[in-house]
Amino acid sequence: GPISCKMSFRPNGNQLNYTGRCNVQ
């Protein structure tokens, strides 16, 4: 079945923060 995912990245000092969400049937 389909999987729909989204990720976003945001620089924060010396690191790269990420958040994501996947919707699984």
PDBML (XML) file of the C-alpha atoms, coordinates in Angstrom:
<?xml version="1.0" encoding="UTF-8" ?>
<PDBx:datablock datablockName="MODEL"
   xmlns:PDBx="http://pdbml.pdb.org/schema/pdbx-v50.xsd"
   xmlns:xsi="http://www.w3.org/2001/XMLSchema-instance"
   xsi:schemaLocation="http://pdbml.pdb.org/schema/pdbx-v50.xsd pdbx-v50.xsd">
   <PDBx:atom_siteCategory>
      <PDBx:atom_site id="1">
         <PDBx:B_iso_or_equiv>0.00</PDBx:B_iso_or_equiv>
         <PDBx:Cartn_x>0.000</PDBx:Cartn_x>
         <PDBx:Cartn_y>0.000</PDBx:Cartn_y>
         <PDBx:Cartn_z>0.000</PDBx:Cartn_z>
         <PDBx:auth_asym_id>A</PDBx:auth_asym_id>
         <PDBx:auth_atom_id>CA</PDBx:auth_atom_id>
         <PDBx:auth_comp_id>GLY</PDBx:auth_comp_id>
         <PDBx:auth_seq_id>1</PDBx:auth_seq_id>
         <PDBx:group_PDB>ATOM</PDBx:group_PDB>
         <PDBx:label_alt_id xsi:nil="true" />
         <PDBx:label_asym_id>A</PDBx:label_asym_id>
         <PDBx:label_atom_id>CA</PDBx:label_atom_id>
         <PDBx:label_comp_id>GLY</PDBx:label_comp_id>
         <PDBx:label_entity_id>1</PDBx:label_entity_id>
         <PDBx:label_seq_id>1</PDBx:label_seq_id>
         <PDBx:occupancy>1.00</PDBx:occupancy>
         <PDBx:pdbx_PDB_model_num>1</PDBx:pdbx_PDB_model_num>
         <PDBx:type_symbol>C</PDBx:type_symbol>
      </PDBx:atom_site>
      <PDBx:atom_site id="2">
         <PDBx:B_iso_or_equiv>0.00</PDBx:B_iso_or_equiv>
         <PDBx:Cartn_x>0.973</PDBx:Cartn_x>
         <PDBx:Cartn_y>3.620</PDBx:Cartn_y>
         <PDBx:Cartn_z>-0.263</PDBx:Cartn_z>
         <PDBx:auth_asym_id>A</PDBx:auth_asym_id>
         <PDBx:auth_atom_id>CA</PDBx:auth_atom_id>
         <PDBx:auth_comp_id>PRO</PDBx:auth_comp_id>
         <PDBx:auth_seq_id>2</PDBx:auth_seq_id>
         <PDBx:group_PDB>ATOM</PDBx:group_PDB>
         <PDBx:label_alt_id xsi:nil="true" />
         <PDBx:label_asym_id>A</PDBx:label_asym_id>
         <PDBx:label_atom_id>CA</PDBx:label_atom_id>
         <PDBx:label_comp_id>PRO</PDBx:label_comp_id>
         <PDBx:label_entity_id>1</PDBx:label_entity_id>
         <PDBx:label_seq_id>2</PDBx:label_seq_id>
         <PDBx:occupancy>1.00</PDBx:occupancy>
         <PDBx:pdbx_PDB_model_num>1</PDBx:pdbx_PDB_model_num>
         <PDBx:type_symbol>C</PDBx:type_symbol>
      </PDBx:atom_site>
      <PDBx:atom_site id="3">
         <PDBx:B_iso_or_equiv>0.00</PDBx:B_iso_or_equiv>
         <PDBx:Cartn_x>3.164</PDBx:Cartn_x>
         <PDBx:Cartn_y>5.470</PDBx:Cartn_y>
         <PDBx:Cartn_z>2.215</PDBx:Cartn_z>
         <PDBx:auth_asym_id>A</PDBx:auth_asym_id>
         <PDBx:auth_atom_id>CA</PDBx:auth_atom_id>
         <PDBx:auth_comp_id>ILE</PDBx:auth_comp_id>
         <PDBx:auth_seq_id>3</PDBx:auth_seq_id>
         <PDBx:group_PDB>ATOM</PDBx:group_PDB>
         <PDBx:label_alt_id xsi:nil="true" />
         <PDBx:label_asym_id>A</PDBx:label_asym_id>
         <PDBx:label_atom_id>CA</PDBx:label_atom_id>
         <PDBx:label_comp_id>ILE</PDBx:label_comp_id>
         <PDBx:label_entity_id>1</PDBx:label_entity_id>
         <PDBx:label_seq_id>3</PDBx:label_seq_id>
         <PDBx:occupancy>1.00</PDBx:occupancy>
         <PDBx:pdbx_PDB_model_num>1</PDBx:pdbx_PDB_model_num>
         <PDBx:type_symbol>C</PDBx:type_symbol>
      </PDBx:atom_site>
      <PDBx:atom_site id="4">
         <PDBx:B_iso_or_equiv>0.00</PDBx:B_iso_or_equiv>
         <PDBx:Cartn_x>3.160</PDBx:Cartn_x>
         <PDBx:Cartn_y>9.256</PDBx:Cartn_y>
         <PDBx:Cartn_z>2.231</PDBx:Cartn_z>
         <PDBx:auth_asym_id>A</PDBx:auth_asym_id>
         <PDBx:auth_atom_id>CA</PDBx:auth_atom_id>
         <PDBx:auth_comp_id>SER</PDBx:auth_comp_id>
         <PDBx:auth_seq_id>4</PDBx:auth_seq_id>
         <PDBx:group_PDB>ATOM</PDBx:group_PDB>
         <PDBx:label_alt_id xsi:nil="true" />
         <PDBx:label_asym_id>A</PDBx:label_asym_id>
         <PDBx:label_atom_id>CA</PDBx:label_atom_id>
         <PDBx:label_comp_id>SER</PDBx:label_comp_id>
         <PDBx:label_entity_id>1</PDBx:label_entity_id>
         <PDBx:label_seq_id>4</PDBx:label_seq_id>
         <PDBx:occupancy>1.00</PDBx:occupancy>
         <PDBx:pdbx_PDB_model_num>1</PDBx:pdbx_PDB_model_num>
         <PDBx:type_symbol>C</PDBx:type_symbol>
      </PDBx:atom_site>
      <PDBx:atom_site id="5">
         <PDBx:B_iso_or_equiv>0.00</PDBx:B_iso_or_equiv>
         <PDBx:Cartn_x>5.990</PDBx:Cartn_x>
         <PDBx:Cartn_y>11.036</PDBx:Cartn_y>
         <PDBx:Cartn_z>4.058</PDBx:Cartn_z>
         <PDBx:auth_asym_id>A</PDBx:auth_asym_id>
         <PDBx:auth_atom_id>CA</PDBx:auth_atom_id>
         <PDBx:auth_comp_id>CYS</PDBx:auth_comp_id>
         <PDBx:auth_seq_id>5</PDBx:auth_seq_id>
         <PDBx:group_PDB>ATOM</PDBx:group_PDB>
         <PDBx:label_alt_id xsi:nil="true" />
         <PDBx:label_asym_id>A</PDBx:label_asym_id>
         <PDBx:label_atom_id>CA</PDBx:label_atom_id>
         <PDBx:label_comp_id>CYS</PDBx:label_comp_id>
         <PDBx:label_entity_id>1</PDBx:label_entity_id>
         <PDBx:label_seq_id>5</PDBx:label_seq_id>
         <PDBx:occupancy>1.00</PDBx:occupancy>
         <PDBx:pdbx_PDB_model_num>1</PDBx:pdbx_PDB_model_num>
         <PDBx:type_symbol>C</PDBx:type_symbol>
      </PDBx:atom_site>
      <PDBx:atom_site id="6">
         <PDBx:B_iso_or_equiv>0.00</PDBx:B_iso_or_equiv>
         <PDBx:Cartn_x>7.158</PDBx:Cartn_x>
         <PDBx:Cartn_y>14.593</PDBx:Cartn_y>
         <PDBx:Cartn_z>4.571</PDBx:Cartn_z>
         <PDBx:auth_asym_id>A</PDBx:auth_asym_id>
         <PDBx:auth_atom_id>CA</PDBx:auth_atom_id>
         <PDBx:auth_comp_id>LYS</PDBx:auth_comp_id>
         <PDBx:auth_seq_id>6</PDBx:auth_seq_id>
         <PDBx:group_PDB>ATOM</PDBx:group_PDB>
         <PDBx:label_alt_id xsi:nil="true" />
         <PDBx:label_asym_id>A</PDBx:label_asym_id>
         <PDBx:label_atom_id>CA</PDBx:label_atom_id>
         <PDBx:label_comp_id>LYS</PDBx:label_comp_id>
         <PDBx:label_entity_id>1</PDBx:label_entity_id>
         <PDBx:label_seq_id>6</PDBx:label_seq_id>
         <PDBx:occupancy>1.00</PDBx:occupancy>
         <PDBx:pdbx_PDB_model_num>1</PDBx:pdbx_PDB_model_num>
         <PDBx:type_symbol>C</PDBx:type_symbol>
      </PDBx:atom_site>
      <PDBx:atom_site id="7">
         <PDBx:B_iso_or_equiv>0.00</PDBx:B_iso_or_equiv>
         <PDBx:Cartn_x>10.414</PDBx:Cartn_x>
         <PDBx:Cartn_y>15.840</PDBx:Cartn_y>
         <PDBx:Cartn_z>6.126</PDBx:Cartn_z>
         <PDBx:auth_asym_id>A</PDBx:auth_asym_id>
         <PDBx:auth_atom_id>CA</PDBx:auth_atom_id>
         <PDBx:auth_comp_id>MET</PDBx:auth_comp_id>
         <PDBx:auth_seq_id>7</PDBx:auth_seq_id>
         <PDBx:group_PDB>ATOM</PDBx:group_PDB>
         <PDBx:label_alt_id xsi:nil="true" />
         <PDBx:label_asym_id>A</PDBx:label_asym_id>
         <PDBx:label_atom_id>CA</PDBx:label_atom_id>
         <PDBx:label_comp_id>MET</PDBx:label_comp_id>
         <PDBx:label_entity_id>1</PDBx:label_entity_id>
         <PDBx:label_seq_id>7</PDBx:label_seq_id>
         <PDBx:occupancy>1.00</PDBx:occupancy>
         <PDBx:pdbx_PDB_model_num>1</PDBx:pdbx_PDB_model_num>
         <PDBx:type_symbol>C</PDBx:type_symbol>
      </PDBx:atom_site>
      <PDBx:atom_site id="8">
         <PDBx:B_iso_or_equiv>0.00</PDBx:B_iso_or_equiv>
         <PDBx:Cartn_x>11.650</PDBx:Cartn_x>
         <PDBx:Cartn_y>19.306</PDBx:Cartn_y>
         <PDBx:Cartn_z>6.922</PDBx:Cartn_z>
         <PDBx:auth_asym_id>A</PDBx:auth_asym_id>
         <PDBx:auth_atom_id>CA</PDBx:auth_atom_id>
         <PDBx:auth_comp_id>SER</PDBx:auth_comp_id>
         <PDBx:auth_seq_id>8</PDBx:auth_seq_id>
         <PDBx:group_PDB>ATOM</PDBx:group_PDB>
         <PDBx:label_alt_id xsi:nil="true" />
         <PDBx:label_asym_id>A</PDBx:label_asym_id>
         <PDBx:label_atom_id>CA</PDBx:label_atom_id>
         <PDBx:label_comp_id>SER</PDBx:label_comp_id>
         <PDBx:label_entity_id>1</PDBx:label_entity_id>
         <PDBx:label_seq_id>8</PDBx:label_seq_id>
         <PDBx:occupancy>1.00</PDBx:occupancy>
         <PDBx:pdbx_PDB_model_num>1</PDBx:pdbx_PDB_model_num>
         <PDBx:type_symbol>C</PDBx:type_symbol>
      </PDBx:atom_site>
      <PDBx:atom_site id="9">
         <PDBx:B_iso_or_equiv>0.00</PDBx:B_iso_or_equiv>
         <PDBx:Cartn_x>15.099</PDBx:Cartn_x>
         <PDBx:Cartn_y>20.505</PDBx:Cartn_y>
         <PDBx:Cartn_z>7.957</PDBx:Cartn_z>
         <PDBx:auth_asym_id>A</PDBx:auth_asym_id>
         <PDBx:auth_atom_id>CA</PDBx:auth_atom_id>
         <PDBx:auth_comp_id>PHE</PDBx:auth_comp_id>
         <PDBx:auth_seq_id>9</PDBx:auth_seq_id>
         <PDBx:group_PDB>ATOM</PDBx:group_PDB>
         <PDBx:label_alt_id xsi:nil="true" />
         <PDBx:label_asym_id>A</PDBx:label_asym_id>
         <PDBx:label_atom_id>CA</PDBx:label_atom_id>
         <PDBx:label_comp_id>PHE</PDBx:label_comp_id>
         <PDBx:label_entity_id>1</PDBx:label_entity_id>
         <PDBx:label_seq_id>9</PDBx:label_seq_id>
         <PDBx:occupancy>1.00</PDBx:occupancy>
         <PDBx:pdbx_PDB_model_num>1</PDBx:pdbx_PDB_model_num>
         <PDBx:type_symbol>C</PDBx:type_symbol>
      </PDBx:atom_site>
      <PDBx:atom_site id="10">
         <PDBx:B_iso_or_equiv>0.00</PDBx:B_iso_or_equiv>
         <PDBx:Cartn_x>16.126</PDBx:Cartn_x>
         <PDBx:Cartn_y>23.586</PDBx:Cartn_y>
         <PDBx:Cartn_z>9.906</PDBx:Cartn_z>
         <PDBx:auth_asym_id>A</PDBx:auth_asym_id>
         <PDBx:auth_atom_id>CA</PDBx:auth_atom_id>
         <PDBx:auth_comp_id>ARG</PDBx:auth_comp_id>
         <PDBx:auth_seq_id>10</PDBx:auth_seq_id>
         <PDBx:group_PDB>ATOM</PDBx:group_PDB>
         <PDBx:label_alt_id xsi:nil="true" />
         <PDBx:label_asym_id>A</PDBx:label_asym_id>
         <PDBx:label_atom_id>CA</PDBx:label_atom_id>
         <PDBx:label_comp_id>ARG</PDBx:label_comp_id>
         <PDBx:label_entity_id>1</PDBx:label_entity_id>
         <PDBx:label_seq_id>10</PDBx:label_seq_id>
         <PDBx:occupancy>1.00</PDBx:occupancy>
         <PDBx:pdbx_PDB_model_num>1</PDBx:pdbx_PDB_model_num>
         <PDBx:type_symbol>C</PDBx:type_symbol>
      </PDBx:atom_site>
      <PDBx:atom_site id="11">
         <PDBx:B_iso_or_equiv>0.00</PDBx:B_iso_or_equiv>
         <PDBx:Cartn_x>19.684</PDBx:Cartn_x>
         <PDBx:Cartn_y>24.690</PDBx:Cartn_y>
         <PDBx:Cartn_z>10.757</PDBx:Cartn_z>
         <PDBx:auth_asym_id>A</PDBx:auth_asym_id>
         <PDBx:auth_atom_id>CA</PDBx:auth_atom_id>
         <PDBx:auth_comp_id>PRO</PDBx:auth_comp_id>
         <PDBx:auth_seq_id>11</PDBx:auth_seq_id>
         <PDBx:group_PDB>ATOM</PDBx:group_PDB>
         <PDBx:label_alt_id xsi:nil="true" />
         <PDBx:label_asym_id>A</PDBx:label_asym_id>
         <PDBx:label_atom_id>CA</PDBx:label_atom_id>
         <PDBx:label_comp_id>PRO</PDBx:label_comp_id>
         <PDBx:label_entity_id>1</PDBx:label_entity_id>
         <PDBx:label_seq_id>11</PDBx:label_seq_id>
         <PDBx:occupancy>1.00</PDBx:occupancy>
         <PDBx:pdbx_PDB_model_num>1</PDBx:pdbx_PDB_model_num>
         <PDBx:type_symbol>C</PDBx:type_symbol>
      </PDBx:atom_site>
      <PDBx:atom_site id="12">
         <PDBx:B_iso_or_equiv>0.00</PDBx:B_iso_or_equiv>
         <PDBx:Cartn_x>20.259</PDBx:Cartn_x>
         <PDBx:Cartn_y>25.268</PDBx:Cartn_y>
         <PDBx:Cartn_z>14.472</PDBx:Cartn_z>
         <PDBx:auth_asym_id>A</PDBx:auth_asym_id>
         <PDBx:auth_atom_id>CA</PDBx:auth_atom_id>
         <PDBx:auth_comp_id>ASN</PDBx:auth_comp_id>
         <PDBx:auth_seq_id>12</PDBx:auth_seq_id>
         <PDBx:group_PDB>ATOM</PDBx:group_PDB>
         <PDBx:label_alt_id xsi:nil="true" />
         <PDBx:label_asym_id>A</PDBx:label_asym_id>
         <PDBx:label_atom_id>CA</PDBx:label_atom_id>
         <PDBx:label_comp_id>ASN</PDBx:label_comp_id>
         <PDBx:label_entity_id>1</PDBx:label_entity_id>
         <PDBx:label_seq_id>12</PDBx:label_seq_id>
         <PDBx:occupancy>1.00</PDBx:occupancy>
         <PDBx:pdbx_PDB_model_num>1</PDBx:pdbx_PDB_model_num>
         <PDBx:type_symbol>C</PDBx:type_symbol>
      </PDBx:atom_site>
      <PDBx:atom_site id="13">
         <PDBx:B_iso_or_equiv>0.00</PDBx:B_iso_or_equiv>
         <PDBx:Cartn_x>23.821</PDBx:Cartn_x>
         <PDBx:Cartn_y>26.305</PDBx:Cartn_y>
         <PDBx:Cartn_z>15.350</PDBx:Cartn_z>
         <PDBx:auth_asym_id>A</PDBx:auth_asym_id>
         <PDBx:auth_atom_id>CA</PDBx:auth_atom_id>
         <PDBx:auth_comp_id>GLY</PDBx:auth_comp_id>
         <PDBx:auth_seq_id>13</PDBx:auth_seq_id>
         <PDBx:group_PDB>ATOM</PDBx:group_PDB>
         <PDBx:label_alt_id xsi:nil="true" />
         <PDBx:label_asym_id>A</PDBx:label_asym_id>
         <PDBx:label_atom_id>CA</PDBx:label_atom_id>
         <PDBx:label_comp_id>GLY</PDBx:label_comp_id>
         <PDBx:label_entity_id>1</PDBx:label_entity_id>
         <PDBx:label_seq_id>13</PDBx:label_seq_id>
         <PDBx:occupancy>1.00</PDBx:occupancy>
         <PDBx:pdbx_PDB_model_num>1</PDBx:pdbx_PDB_model_num>
         <PDBx:type_symbol>C</PDBx:type_symbol>
      </PDBx:atom_site>
      <PDBx:atom_site id="14">
         <PDBx:B_iso_or_equiv>0.00</PDBx:B_iso_or_equiv>
         <PDBx:Cartn_x>26.178</PDBx:Cartn_x>
         <PDBx:Cartn_y>23.419</PDBx:Cartn_y>
         <PDBx:Cartn_z>14.556</PDBx:Cartn_z>
         <PDBx:auth_asym_id>A</PDBx:auth_asym_id>
         <PDBx:auth_atom_id>CA</PDBx:auth_atom_id>
         <PDBx:auth_comp_id>ASN</PDBx:auth_comp_id>
         <PDBx:auth_seq_id>14</PDBx:auth_seq_id>
         <PDBx:group_PDB>ATOM</PDBx:group_PDB>
         <PDBx:label_alt_id xsi:nil="true" />
         <PDBx:label_asym_id>A</PDBx:label_asym_id>
         <PDBx:label_atom_id>CA</PDBx:label_atom_id>
         <PDBx:label_comp_id>ASN</PDBx:label_comp_id>
         <PDBx:label_entity_id>1</PDBx:label_entity_id>
         <PDBx:label_seq_id>14</PDBx:label_seq_id>
         <PDBx:occupancy>1.00</PDBx:occupancy>
         <PDBx:pdbx_PDB_model_num>1</PDBx:pdbx_PDB_model_num>
         <PDBx:type_symbol>C</PDBx:type_symbol>
      </PDBx:atom_site>
      <PDBx:atom_site id="15">
         <PDBx:B_iso_or_equiv>0.00</PDBx:B_iso_or_equiv>
         <PDBx:Cartn_x>23.393</PDBx:Cartn_x>
         <PDBx:Cartn_y>20.930</PDBx:Cartn_y>
         <PDBx:Cartn_z>13.903</PDBx:Cartn_z>
         <PDBx:auth_asym_id>A</PDBx:auth_asym_id>
         <PDBx:auth_atom_id>CA</PDBx:auth_atom_id>
         <PDBx:auth_comp_id>GLN</PDBx:auth_comp_id>
         <PDBx:auth_seq_id>15</PDBx:auth_seq_id>
         <PDBx:group_PDB>ATOM</PDBx:group_PDB>
         <PDBx:label_alt_id xsi:nil="true" />
         <PDBx:label_asym_id>A</PDBx:label_asym_id>
         <PDBx:label_atom_id>CA</PDBx:label_atom_id>
         <PDBx:label_comp_id>GLN</PDBx:label_comp_id>
         <PDBx:label_entity_id>1</PDBx:label_entity_id>
         <PDBx:label_seq_id>15</PDBx:label_seq_id>
         <PDBx:occupancy>1.00</PDBx:occupancy>
         <PDBx:pdbx_PDB_model_num>1</PDBx:pdbx_PDB_model_num>
         <PDBx:type_symbol>C</PDBx:type_symbol>
      </PDBx:atom_site>
      <PDBx:atom_site id="16">
         <PDBx:B_iso_or_equiv>0.00</PDBx:B_iso_or_equiv>
         <PDBx:Cartn_x>20.588</PDBx:Cartn_x>
         <PDBx:Cartn_y>20.325</PDBx:Cartn_y>
         <PDBx:Cartn_z>11.436</PDBx:Cartn_z>
         <PDBx:auth_asym_id>A</PDBx:auth_asym_id>
         <PDBx:auth_atom_id>CA</PDBx:auth_atom_id>
         <PDBx:auth_comp_id>LEU</PDBx:auth_comp_id>
         <PDBx:auth_seq_id>16</PDBx:auth_seq_id>
         <PDBx:group_PDB>ATOM</PDBx:group_PDB>
         <PDBx:label_alt_id xsi:nil="true" />
         <PDBx:label_asym_id>A</PDBx:label_asym_id>
         <PDBx:label_atom_id>CA</PDBx:label_atom_id>
         <PDBx:label_comp_id>LEU</PDBx:label_comp_id>
         <PDBx:label_entity_id>1</PDBx:label_entity_id>
         <PDBx:label_seq_id>16</PDBx:label_seq_id>
         <PDBx:occupancy>1.00</PDBx:occupancy>
         <PDBx:pdbx_PDB_model_num>1</PDBx:pdbx_PDB_model_num>
         <PDBx:type_symbol>C</PDBx:type_symbol>
      </PDBx:atom_site>
      <PDBx:atom_site id="17">
         <PDBx:B_iso_or_equiv>0.00</PDBx:B_iso_or_equiv>
         <PDBx:Cartn_x>17.221</PDBx:Cartn_x>
         <PDBx:Cartn_y>19.641</PDBx:Cartn_y>
         <PDBx:Cartn_z>13.070</PDBx:Cartn_z>
         <PDBx:auth_asym_id>A</PDBx:auth_asym_id>
         <PDBx:auth_atom_id>CA</PDBx:auth_atom_id>
         <PDBx:auth_comp_id>ASN</PDBx:auth_comp_id>
         <PDBx:auth_seq_id>17</PDBx:auth_seq_id>
         <PDBx:group_PDB>ATOM</PDBx:group_PDB>
         <PDBx:label_alt_id xsi:nil="true" />
         <PDBx:label_asym_id>A</PDBx:label_asym_id>
         <PDBx:label_atom_id>CA</PDBx:label_atom_id>
         <PDBx:label_comp_id>ASN</PDBx:label_comp_id>
         <PDBx:label_entity_id>1</PDBx:label_entity_id>
         <PDBx:label_seq_id>17</PDBx:label_seq_id>
         <PDBx:occupancy>1.00</PDBx:occupancy>
         <PDBx:pdbx_PDB_model_num>1</PDBx:pdbx_PDB_model_num>
         <PDBx:type_symbol>C</PDBx:type_symbol>
      </PDBx:atom_site>
      <PDBx:atom_site id="18">
         <PDBx:B_iso_or_equiv>0.00</PDBx:B_iso_or_equiv>
         <PDBx:Cartn_x>14.715</PDBx:Cartn_x>
         <PDBx:Cartn_y>17.484</PDBx:Cartn_y>
         <PDBx:Cartn_z>11.216</PDBx:Cartn_z>
         <PDBx:auth_asym_id>A</PDBx:auth_asym_id>
         <PDBx:auth_atom_id>CA</PDBx:auth_atom_id>
         <PDBx:auth_comp_id>TYR</PDBx:auth_comp_id>
         <PDBx:auth_seq_id>18</PDBx:auth_seq_id>
         <PDBx:group_PDB>ATOM</PDBx:group_PDB>
         <PDBx:label_alt_id xsi:nil="true" />
         <PDBx:label_asym_id>A</PDBx:label_asym_id>
         <PDBx:label_atom_id>CA</PDBx:label_atom_id>
         <PDBx:label_comp_id>TYR</PDBx:label_comp_id>
         <PDBx:label_entity_id>1</PDBx:label_entity_id>
         <PDBx:label_seq_id>18</PDBx:label_seq_id>
         <PDBx:occupancy>1.00</PDBx:occupancy>
         <PDBx:pdbx_PDB_model_num>1</PDBx:pdbx_PDB_model_num>
         <PDBx:type_symbol>C</PDBx:type_symbol>
      </PDBx:atom_site>
      <PDBx:atom_site id="19">
         <PDBx:B_iso_or_equiv>0.00</PDBx:B_iso_or_equiv>
         <PDBx:Cartn_x>11.063</PDBx:Cartn_x>
         <PDBx:Cartn_y>16.588</PDBx:Cartn_y>
         <PDBx:Cartn_z>11.692</PDBx:Cartn_z>
         <PDBx:auth_asym_id>A</PDBx:auth_asym_id>
         <PDBx:auth_atom_id>CA</PDBx:auth_atom_id>
         <PDBx:auth_comp_id>THR</PDBx:auth_comp_id>
         <PDBx:auth_seq_id>19</PDBx:auth_seq_id>
         <PDBx:group_PDB>ATOM</PDBx:group_PDB>
         <PDBx:label_alt_id xsi:nil="true" />
         <PDBx:label_asym_id>A</PDBx:label_asym_id>
         <PDBx:label_atom_id>CA</PDBx:label_atom_id>
         <PDBx:label_comp_id>THR</PDBx:label_comp_id>
         <PDBx:label_entity_id>1</PDBx:label_entity_id>
         <PDBx:label_seq_id>19</PDBx:label_seq_id>
         <PDBx:occupancy>1.00</PDBx:occupancy>
         <PDBx:pdbx_PDB_model_num>1</PDBx:pdbx_PDB_model_num>
         <PDBx:type_symbol>C</PDBx:type_symbol>
      </PDBx:atom_site>
      <PDBx:atom_site id="20">
         <PDBx:B_iso_or_equiv>0.00</PDBx:B_iso_or_equiv>
         <PDBx:Cartn_x>9.107</PDBx:Cartn_x>
         <PDBx:Cartn_y>14.109</PDBx:Cartn_y>
         <PDBx:Cartn_z>9.670</PDBx:Cartn_z>
         <PDBx:auth_asym_id>A</PDBx:auth_asym_id>
         <PDBx:auth_atom_id>CA</PDBx:auth_atom_id>
         <PDBx:auth_comp_id>GLY</PDBx:auth_comp_id>
         <PDBx:auth_seq_id>20</PDBx:auth_seq_id>
         <PDBx:group_PDB>ATOM</PDBx:group_PDB>
         <PDBx:label_alt_id xsi:nil="true" />
         <PDBx:label_asym_id>A</PDBx:label_asym_id>
         <PDBx:label_atom_id>CA</PDBx:label_atom_id>
         <PDBx:label_comp_id>GLY</PDBx:label_comp_id>
         <PDBx:label_entity_id>1</PDBx:label_entity_id>
         <PDBx:label_seq_id>20</PDBx:label_seq_id>
         <PDBx:occupancy>1.00</PDBx:occupancy>
         <PDBx:pdbx_PDB_model_num>1</PDBx:pdbx_PDB_model_num>
         <PDBx:type_symbol>C</PDBx:type_symbol>
      </PDBx:atom_site>
      <PDBx:atom_site id="21">
         <PDBx:B_iso_or_equiv>0.00</PDBx:B_iso_or_equiv>
         <PDBx:Cartn_x>5.773</PDBx:Cartn_x>
         <PDBx:Cartn_y>12.395</PDBx:Cartn_y>
         <PDBx:Cartn_z>9.448</PDBx:Cartn_z>
         <PDBx:auth_asym_id>A</PDBx:auth_asym_id>
         <PDBx:auth_atom_id>CA</PDBx:auth_atom_id>
         <PDBx:auth_comp_id>ARG</PDBx:auth_comp_id>
         <PDBx:auth_seq_id>21</PDBx:auth_seq_id>
         <PDBx:group_PDB>ATOM</PDBx:group_PDB>
         <PDBx:label_alt_id xsi:nil="true" />
         <PDBx:label_asym_id>A</PDBx:label_asym_id>
         <PDBx:label_atom_id>CA</PDBx:label_atom_id>
         <PDBx:label_comp_id>ARG</PDBx:label_comp_id>
         <PDBx:label_entity_id>1</PDBx:label_entity_id>
         <PDBx:label_seq_id>21</PDBx:label_seq_id>
         <PDBx:occupancy>1.00</PDBx:occupancy>
         <PDBx:pdbx_PDB_model_num>1</PDBx:pdbx_PDB_model_num>
         <PDBx:type_symbol>C</PDBx:type_symbol>
      </PDBx:atom_site>
      <PDBx:atom_site id="22">
         <PDBx:B_iso_or_equiv>0.00</PDBx:B_iso_or_equiv>
         <PDBx:Cartn_x>4.703</PDBx:Cartn_x>
         <PDBx:Cartn_y>9.343</PDBx:Cartn_y>
         <PDBx:Cartn_z>7.482</PDBx:Cartn_z>
         <PDBx:auth_asym_id>A</PDBx:auth_asym_id>
         <PDBx:auth_atom_id>CA</PDBx:auth_atom_id>
         <PDBx:auth_comp_id>CYS</PDBx:auth_comp_id>
         <PDBx:auth_seq_id>22</PDBx:auth_seq_id>
         <PDBx:group_PDB>ATOM</PDBx:group_PDB>
         <PDBx:label_alt_id xsi:nil="true" />
         <PDBx:label_asym_id>A</PDBx:label_asym_id>
         <PDBx:label_atom_id>CA</PDBx:label_atom_id>
         <PDBx:label_comp_id>CYS</PDBx:label_comp_id>
         <PDBx:label_entity_id>1</PDBx:label_entity_id>
         <PDBx:label_seq_id>22</PDBx:label_seq_id>
         <PDBx:occupancy>1.00</PDBx:occupancy>
         <PDBx:pdbx_PDB_model_num>1</PDBx:pdbx_PDB_model_num>
         <PDBx:type_symbol>C</PDBx:type_symbol>
      </PDBx:atom_site>
      <PDBx:atom_site id="23">
         <PDBx:B_iso_or_equiv>0.00</PDBx:B_iso_or_equiv>
         <PDBx:Cartn_x>1.140</PDBx:Cartn_x>
         <PDBx:Cartn_y>8.230</PDBx:Cartn_y>
         <PDBx:Cartn_z>6.895</PDBx:Cartn_z>
         <PDBx:auth_asym_id>A</PDBx:auth_asym_id>
         <PDBx:auth_atom_id>CA</PDBx:auth_atom_id>
         <PDBx:auth_comp_id>ASN</PDBx:auth_comp_id>
         <PDBx:auth_seq_id>23</PDBx:auth_seq_id>
         <PDBx:group_PDB>ATOM</PDBx:group_PDB>
         <PDBx:label_alt_id xsi:nil="true" />
         <PDBx:label_asym_id>A</PDBx:label_asym_id>
         <PDBx:label_atom_id>CA</PDBx:label_atom_id>
         <PDBx:label_comp_id>ASN</PDBx:label_comp_id>
         <PDBx:label_entity_id>1</PDBx:label_entity_id>
         <PDBx:label_seq_id>23</PDBx:label_seq_id>
         <PDBx:occupancy>1.00</PDBx:occupancy>
         <PDBx:pdbx_PDB_model_num>1</PDBx:pdbx_PDB_model_num>
         <PDBx:type_symbol>C</PDBx:type_symbol>
      </PDBx:atom_site>
      <PDBx:atom_site id="24">
         <PDBx:B_iso_or_equiv>0.00</PDBx:B_iso_or_equiv>
         <PDBx:Cartn_x>0.861</PDBx:Cartn_x>
         <PDBx:Cartn_y>4.502</PDBx:Cartn_y>
         <PDBx:Cartn_z>6.391</PDBx:Cartn_z>
         <PDBx:auth_asym_id>A</PDBx:auth_asym_id>
         <PDBx:auth_atom_id>CA</PDBx:auth_atom_id>
         <PDBx:auth_comp_id>VAL</PDBx:auth_comp_id>
         <PDBx:auth_seq_id>24</PDBx:auth_seq_id>
         <PDBx:group_PDB>ATOM</PDBx:group_PDB>
         <PDBx:label_alt_id xsi:nil="true" />
         <PDBx:label_asym_id>A</PDBx:label_asym_id>
         <PDBx:label_atom_id>CA</PDBx:label_atom_id>
         <PDBx:label_comp_id>VAL</PDBx:label_comp_id>
         <PDBx:label_entity_id>1</PDBx:label_entity_id>
         <PDBx:label_seq_id>24</PDBx:label_seq_id>
         <PDBx:occupancy>1.00</PDBx:occupancy>
         <PDBx:pdbx_PDB_model_num>1</PDBx:pdbx_PDB_model_num>
         <PDBx:type_symbol>C</PDBx:type_symbol>
      </PDBx:atom_site>
      <PDBx:atom_site id="25">
         <PDBx:B_iso_or_equiv>0.00</PDBx:B_iso_or_equiv>
         <PDBx:Cartn_x>-2.302</PDBx:Cartn_x>
         <PDBx:Cartn_y>2.902</PDBx:Cartn_y>
         <PDBx:Cartn_z>5.081</PDBx:Cartn_z>
         <PDBx:auth_asym_id>A</PDBx:auth_asym_id>
         <PDBx:auth_atom_id>CA</PDBx:auth_atom_id>
         <PDBx:auth_comp_id>GLN</PDBx:auth_comp_id>
         <PDBx:auth_seq_id>25</PDBx:auth_seq_id>
         <PDBx:group_PDB>ATOM</PDBx:group_PDB>
         <PDBx:label_alt_id xsi:nil="true" />
         <PDBx:label_asym_id>A</PDBx:label_asym_id>
         <PDBx:label_atom_id>CA</PDBx:label_atom_id>
         <PDBx:label_comp_id>GLN</PDBx:label_comp_id>
         <PDBx:label_entity_id>1</PDBx:label_entity_id>
         <PDBx:label_seq_id>25</PDBx:label_seq_id>
         <PDBx:occupancy>1.00</PDBx:occupancy>
         <PDBx:pdbx_PDB_model_num>1</PDBx:pdbx_PDB_model_num>
         <PDBx:type_symbol>C</PDBx:type_symbol>
      </PDBx:atom_site>
   </PDBx:atom_siteCategory>
</PDBx:datablock>
